[in-house]
Amino acid sequence: MVNFEVVNLTIPDESNIIVGQTHFIKTIEDLYEVMMTVSPSSKFGIAFNEASGVCLIRHDGNDEELEGIAIENAQRIGAGHIFVVIMRGIYPISVMNAIKSLQEVCNVYAATANPLQVVVGITDQGRGVMGVIDGFPPKGVERDEDISKRKMLLRQIIKYKR
């Protein structure tokens, strides 16, 4: 028997979140190293739910507020081997390849600044992430004006494009 719960995650203003699945206690240190190596000036907090042994929420970061929010989100999800990274001053695209290349990372479910819900399956053994709901459904198809706006925005964010 499986029951489902939808968990709303907290993403502070001017921040992004990455939610993923991993399998080893060393993840917390490796994620910290990725964040510091890619962007030492960014602010972040990380939480990781152990799935065996003492089953603690391991955590680290360089910003107390963001670390606390990562812990709260990991607690709400309540599934083993899940990690949450809350970041400010950096976009997920800057760290995604480094995170996905970590040997212990199995999946990345979401990387977003949008409102994020995690669909959690609950069995007699525990909880597991079934998927995520990231943002809102489409309202239409982009037109020429929308394409121009998209390209302008990308050139503002990605400074090397013309």
C-alpha atoms as a PDB file:
ATOM      1  CA  MET A   1       0.000   0.000   0.000  1.00  0.00           C
ATOM      2  CA  VAL A   2       1.312   3.457  -0.920  1.00  0.00           C
ATOM      3  CA  ASN A   3      -0.089   6.775   0.225  1.00  0.00           C
ATOM      4  CA  PHE A   4       0.977  10.070  -1.273  1.00  0.00           C
ATOM      5  CA  GLU A   5       1.739  13.447   0.258  1.00  0.00           C
ATOM      6  CA  VAL A   6       2.517  16.717  -1.503  1.00  0.00           C
ATOM      7  CA  VAL A   7       5.230  18.671   0.313  1.00  0.00           C
ATOM      8  CA  ASN A   8       5.618  22.404  -0.376  1.00  0.00           C
ATOM      9  CA  LEU A   9       9.231  23.533  -0.158  1.00  0.00           C
ATOM     10  CA  THR A  10      10.479  26.904   1.030  1.00  0.00           C
ATOM     11  CA  ILE A  11      12.599  28.905  -1.402  1.00  0.00           C
ATOM     12  CA  PRO A  12      13.620  32.325  -0.054  1.00  0.00           C
ATOM     13  CA  ASP A  13      13.520  35.428  -2.254  1.00  0.00           C
ATOM     14  CA  GLU A  14      16.475  35.765  -4.623  1.00  0.00           C
ATOM     15  CA  SER A  15      17.298  32.069  -4.113  1.00  0.00           C
ATOM     16  CA  ASN A  16      17.228  28.768  -5.989  1.00  0.00           C
ATOM     17  CA  ILE A  17      16.862  25.182  -4.825  1.00  0.00           C
ATOM     18  CA  ILE A  18      18.252  21.864  -6.005  1.00  0.00           C
ATOM     19  CA  VAL A  19      16.647  18.630  -4.787  1.00  0.00           C
ATOM     20  CA  GLY A  20      18.265  15.303  -5.538  1.00  0.00           C
ATOM     21  CA  GLN A  21      18.899  11.736  -4.478  1.00  0.00           C
ATOM     22  CA  THR A  22      22.195  10.308  -3.326  1.00  0.00           C
ATOM     23  CA  HIS A  23      23.444   7.228  -1.501  1.00  0.00           C
ATOM     24  CA  PHE A  24      26.389   8.017   0.760  1.00  0.00           C
ATOM     25  CA  ILE A  25      27.127  10.076   3.889  1.00  0.00           C
ATOM     26  CA  LYS A  26      30.096  11.721   2.111  1.00  0.00           C
ATOM     27  CA  THR A  27      27.605  13.619  -0.093  1.00  0.00           C
ATOM     28  CA  ILE A  28      27.325  16.500   2.371  1.00  0.00           C
ATOM     29  CA  GLU A  29      31.059  17.206   2.152  1.00  0.00           C
ATOM     30  CA  ASP A  30      31.207  16.760  -1.610  1.00  0.00           C
ATOM     31  CA  LEU A  31      28.259  19.116  -2.196  1.00  0.00           C
ATOM     32  CA  TYR A  32      29.912  21.711   0.051  1.00  0.00           C
ATOM     33  CA  GLU A  33      33.134  21.425  -1.962  1.00  0.00           C
ATOM     34  CA  VAL A  34      31.260  21.806  -5.265  1.00  0.00           C
ATOM     35  CA  MET A  35      29.508  24.962  -4.085  1.00  0.00           C
ATOM     36  CA  MET A  36      32.703  26.530  -2.723  1.00  0.00           C
ATOM     37  CA  THR A  37      34.788  25.564  -5.756  1.00  0.00           C
ATOM     38  CA  VAL A  38      32.341  26.816  -8.367  1.00  0.00           C
ATOM     39  CA  SER A  39      31.452  30.076  -6.620  1.00  0.00           C
ATOM     40  CA  PRO A  40      33.178  30.935  -3.330  1.00  0.00           C
ATOM     41  CA  SER A  41      31.222  34.207  -3.099  1.00  0.00           C
ATOM     42  CA  SER A  42      27.770  32.578  -3.348  1.00  0.00           C
ATOM     43  CA  LYS A  43      25.728  31.809  -0.235  1.00  0.00           C
ATOM     44  CA  PHE A  44      24.263  28.349   0.319  1.00  0.00           C
ATOM     45  CA  GLY A  45      22.949  25.770   2.727  1.00  0.00           C
ATOM     46  CA  ILE A  46      22.826  21.994   2.245  1.00  0.00           C
ATOM     47  CA  ALA A  47      20.913  19.217   3.999  1.00  0.00           C
ATOM     48  CA  PHE A  48      21.095  15.458   3.414  1.00  0.00           C
ATOM     49  CA  ASN A  49      18.806  12.791   4.902  1.00  0.00           C
ATOM     50  CA  GLU A  50      20.628   9.617   5.914  1.00  0.00           C
ATOM     51  CA  ALA A  51      18.685   6.432   5.128  1.00  0.00           C
ATOM     52  CA  SER A  52      20.428   3.961   7.446  1.00  0.00           C
ATOM     53  CA  GLY A  53      22.267   3.804  10.753  1.00  0.00           C
ATOM     54  CA  VAL A  54      21.406   6.800  12.929  1.00  0.00           C
ATOM     55  CA  CYS A  55      19.328   8.367  10.102  1.00  0.00           C
ATOM     56  CA  LEU A  56      20.280  11.972  10.840  1.00  0.00           C
ATOM     57  CA  ILE A  57      19.808  15.058   8.690  1.00  0.00           C
ATOM     58  CA  ARG A  58      23.406  15.983   7.876  1.00  0.00           C
ATOM     59  CA  HIS A  59      23.976  19.647   6.998  1.00  0.00           C
ATOM     60  CA  ASP A  60      26.569  22.235   6.015  1.00  0.00           C
ATOM     61  CA  GLY A  61      26.819  25.588   4.266  1.00  0.00           C
ATOM     62  CA  ASN A  62      28.241  29.068   4.483  1.00  0.00           C
ATOM     63  CA  ASP A  63      24.985  30.887   5.313  1.00  0.00           C
ATOM     64  CA  GLU A  64      23.127  30.075   8.540  1.00  0.00           C
ATOM     65  CA  GLU A  65      19.695  31.152   7.227  1.00  0.00           C
ATOM     66  CA  LEU A  66      19.969  29.116   4.003  1.00  0.00           C
ATOM     67  CA  GLU A  67      21.343  26.109   5.886  1.00  0.00           C
ATOM     68  CA  GLY A  68      18.361  26.242   8.257  1.00  0.00           C
ATOM     69  CA  ILE A  69      15.923  26.400   5.344  1.00  0.00           C
ATOM     70  CA  ALA A  70      17.643  23.437   3.649  1.00  0.00           C
ATOM     71  CA  ILE A  71      17.259  21.456   6.891  1.00  0.00           C
ATOM     72  CA  GLU A  72      13.565  22.393   7.185  1.00  0.00           C
ATOM     73  CA  ASN A  73      12.918  21.329   3.582  1.00  0.00           C
ATOM     74  CA  ALA A  74      14.755  18.015   4.084  1.00  0.00           C
ATOM     75  CA  GLN A  75      12.711  17.388   7.249  1.00  0.00           C
ATOM     76  CA  ARG A  76       9.450  18.101   5.422  1.00  0.00           C
ATOM     77  CA  ILE A  77      10.352  15.703   2.603  1.00  0.00           C
ATOM     78  CA  GLY A  78      11.391  13.128   5.192  1.00  0.00           C
ATOM     79  CA  ALA A  79      12.722  10.620   2.653  1.00  0.00           C
ATOM     80  CA  GLY A  80      16.071   8.908   3.017  1.00  0.00           C
ATOM     81  CA  HIS A  81      19.024   9.730   0.799  1.00  0.00           C
ATOM     82  CA  ILE A  82      17.545  13.036  -0.357  1.00  0.00           C
ATOM     83  CA  PHE A  83      19.617  16.227  -0.501  1.00  0.00           C
ATOM     84  CA  VAL A  84      18.493  19.843  -0.646  1.00  0.00           C
ATOM     85  CA  VAL A  85      20.700  22.776  -1.653  1.00  0.00           C
ATOM     86  CA  ILE A  86      19.442  26.332  -1.181  1.00  0.00           C
ATOM     87  CA  MET A  87      21.621  28.921  -2.949  1.00  0.00           C
ATOM     88  CA  ARG A  88      21.784  32.665  -3.409  1.00  0.00           C
ATOM     89  CA  GLY A  89      24.105  34.635  -5.698  1.00  0.00           C
ATOM     90  CA  ILE A  90      24.501  31.761  -8.130  1.00  0.00           C
ATOM     91  CA  TYR A  91      22.222  29.937 -10.567  1.00  0.00           C
ATOM     92  CA  PRO A  92      21.819  26.135 -10.520  1.00  0.00           C
ATOM     93  CA  ILE A  93      23.123  25.909 -14.097  1.00  0.00           C
ATOM     94  CA  SER A  94      26.540  26.926 -12.746  1.00  0.00           C
ATOM     95  CA  VAL A  95      26.769  23.905 -10.417  1.00  0.00           C
ATOM     96  CA  MET A  96      24.550  21.247 -12.008  1.00  0.00           C
ATOM     97  CA  ASN A  97      27.224  19.400 -13.975  1.00  0.00           C
ATOM     98  CA  ALA A  98      29.550  19.333 -10.981  1.00  0.00           C
ATOM     99  CA  ILE A  99      26.754  18.016  -8.733  1.00  0.00           C
ATOM    100  CA  LYS A 100      25.610  15.411 -11.270  1.00  0.00           C
ATOM    101  CA  SER A 101      29.213  14.215 -11.682  1.00  0.00           C
ATOM    102  CA  LEU A 102      29.553  13.328  -7.987  1.00  0.00           C
ATOM    103  CA  GLN A 103      29.884   9.554  -7.738  1.00  0.00           C
ATOM    104  CA  GLU A 104      27.223   9.280  -5.051  1.00  0.00           C
ATOM    105  CA  VAL A 105      24.532  11.425  -6.735  1.00  0.00           C
ATOM    106  CA  CYS A 106      21.834   9.213  -8.282  1.00  0.00           C
ATOM    107  CA  ASN A 107      19.258  11.784  -9.480  1.00  0.00           C
ATOM    108  CA  VAL A 108      18.516  15.462  -9.557  1.00  0.00           C
ATOM    109  CA  TYR A 109      14.762  16.003  -9.305  1.00  0.00           C
ATOM    110  CA  ALA A 110      14.648  19.790  -9.615  1.00  0.00           C
ATOM    111  CA  ALA A 111      16.775  22.905  -9.893  1.00  0.00           C
ATOM    112  CA  THR A 112      14.583  26.000  -9.768  1.00  0.00           C
ATOM    113  CA  ALA A 113      13.533  29.294  -8.248  1.00  0.00           C
ATOM    114  CA  ASN A 114       9.866  28.483  -8.982  1.00  0.00           C
ATOM    115  CA  PRO A 115       7.435  27.320  -6.329  1.00  0.00           C
ATOM    116  CA  LEU A 116       8.302  23.641  -5.823  1.00  0.00           C
ATOM    117  CA  GLN A 117       6.254  20.726  -4.537  1.00  0.00           C
ATOM    118  CA  VAL A 118       7.667  17.258  -3.901  1.00  0.00           C
ATOM    119  CA  VAL A 119       5.349  14.281  -4.315  1.00  0.00           C
ATOM    120  CA  VAL A 120       6.281  11.801  -1.579  1.00  0.00           C
ATOM    121  CA  GLY A 121       5.187   8.160  -1.516  1.00  0.00           C
ATOM    122  CA  ILE A 122       4.675   6.680   1.956  1.00  0.00           C
ATOM    123  CA  THR A 123       4.835   2.947   2.704  1.00  0.00           C
ATOM    124  CA  ASP A 124       5.251   0.894   5.860  1.00  0.00           C
ATOM    125  CA  GLN A 125       9.041   1.090   5.325  1.00  0.00           C
ATOM    126  CA  GLY A 126       9.292   4.858   4.950  1.00  0.00           C
ATOM    127  CA  ARG A 127       9.090   7.737   2.481  1.00  0.00           C
ATOM    128  CA  GLY A 128      10.416   8.235  -1.049  1.00  0.00           C
ATOM    129  CA  VAL A 129      10.315  10.983  -3.662  1.00  0.00           C
ATOM    130  CA  MET A 130       8.017  10.070  -6.559  1.00  0.00           C
ATOM    131  CA  GLY A 131       8.585  13.310  -8.442  1.00  0.00           C
ATOM    132  CA  VAL A 132       8.260  17.073  -8.279  1.00  0.00           C
ATOM    133  CA  ILE A 133       5.900  19.778  -9.440  1.00  0.00           C
ATOM    134  CA  ASP A 134       8.019  22.722 -10.585  1.00  0.00           C
ATOM    135  CA  GLY A 135       6.237  26.019 -11.176  1.00  0.00           C
ATOM    136  CA  PHE A 136       3.006  26.317 -13.129  1.00  0.00           C
ATOM    137  CA  PRO A 137       1.462  24.869 -16.335  1.00  0.00           C
ATOM    138  CA  PRO A 138       1.983  26.637 -19.700  1.00  0.00           C
ATOM    139  CA  LYS A 139      -0.417  29.459 -20.608  1.00  0.00           C
ATOM    140  CA  GLY A 140       0.249  29.428 -24.348  1.00  0.00           C
ATOM    141  CA  VAL A 141       2.907  29.169 -27.057  1.00  0.00           C
ATOM    142  CA  GLU A 142       5.541  31.886 -27.431  1.00  0.00           C
ATOM    143  CA  ARG A 143       5.205  34.353 -30.315  1.00  0.00           C
ATOM    144  CA  ASP A 144       7.891  36.444 -32.026  1.00  0.00           C
ATOM    145  CA  GLU A 145       7.665  39.138 -29.331  1.00  0.00           C
ATOM    146  CA  ASP A 146       8.092  36.490 -26.616  1.00  0.00           C
ATOM    147  CA  ILE A 147      11.128  35.042 -28.425  1.00  0.00           C
ATOM    148  CA  SER A 148      12.759  38.486 -28.540  1.00  0.00           C
ATOM    149  CA  LYS A 149      12.121  38.999 -24.805  1.00  0.00           C
ATOM    150  CA  ARG A 150      13.571  35.550 -24.007  1.00  0.00           C
ATOM    151  CA  LYS A 151      16.723  36.277 -25.984  1.00  0.00           C
ATOM    152  CA  MET A 152      17.134  39.677 -24.305  1.00  0.00           C
ATOM    153  CA  LEU A 153      16.782  38.111 -20.858  1.00  0.00           C
ATOM    154  CA  LEU A 154      19.353  35.430 -21.667  1.00  0.00           C
ATOM    155  CA  ARG A 155      21.838  38.057 -22.827  1.00  0.00           C
ATOM    156  CA  GLN A 156      21.376  39.894 -19.506  1.00  0.00           C
ATOM    157  CA  ILE A 157      21.931  36.726 -17.480  1.00  0.00           C
ATOM    158  CA  ILE A 158      24.642  35.153 -19.649  1.00  0.00           C
ATOM    159  CA  LYS A 159      27.000  38.069 -20.210  1.00  0.00           C
ATOM    160  CA  TYR A 160      29.143  36.425 -22.907  1.00  0.00           C
ATOM    161  CA  LYS A 161      26.277  36.103 -25.434  1.00  0.00           C
ATOM    162  CA  ARG A 162      25.682  38.842 -27.981  1.00  0.00           C
END
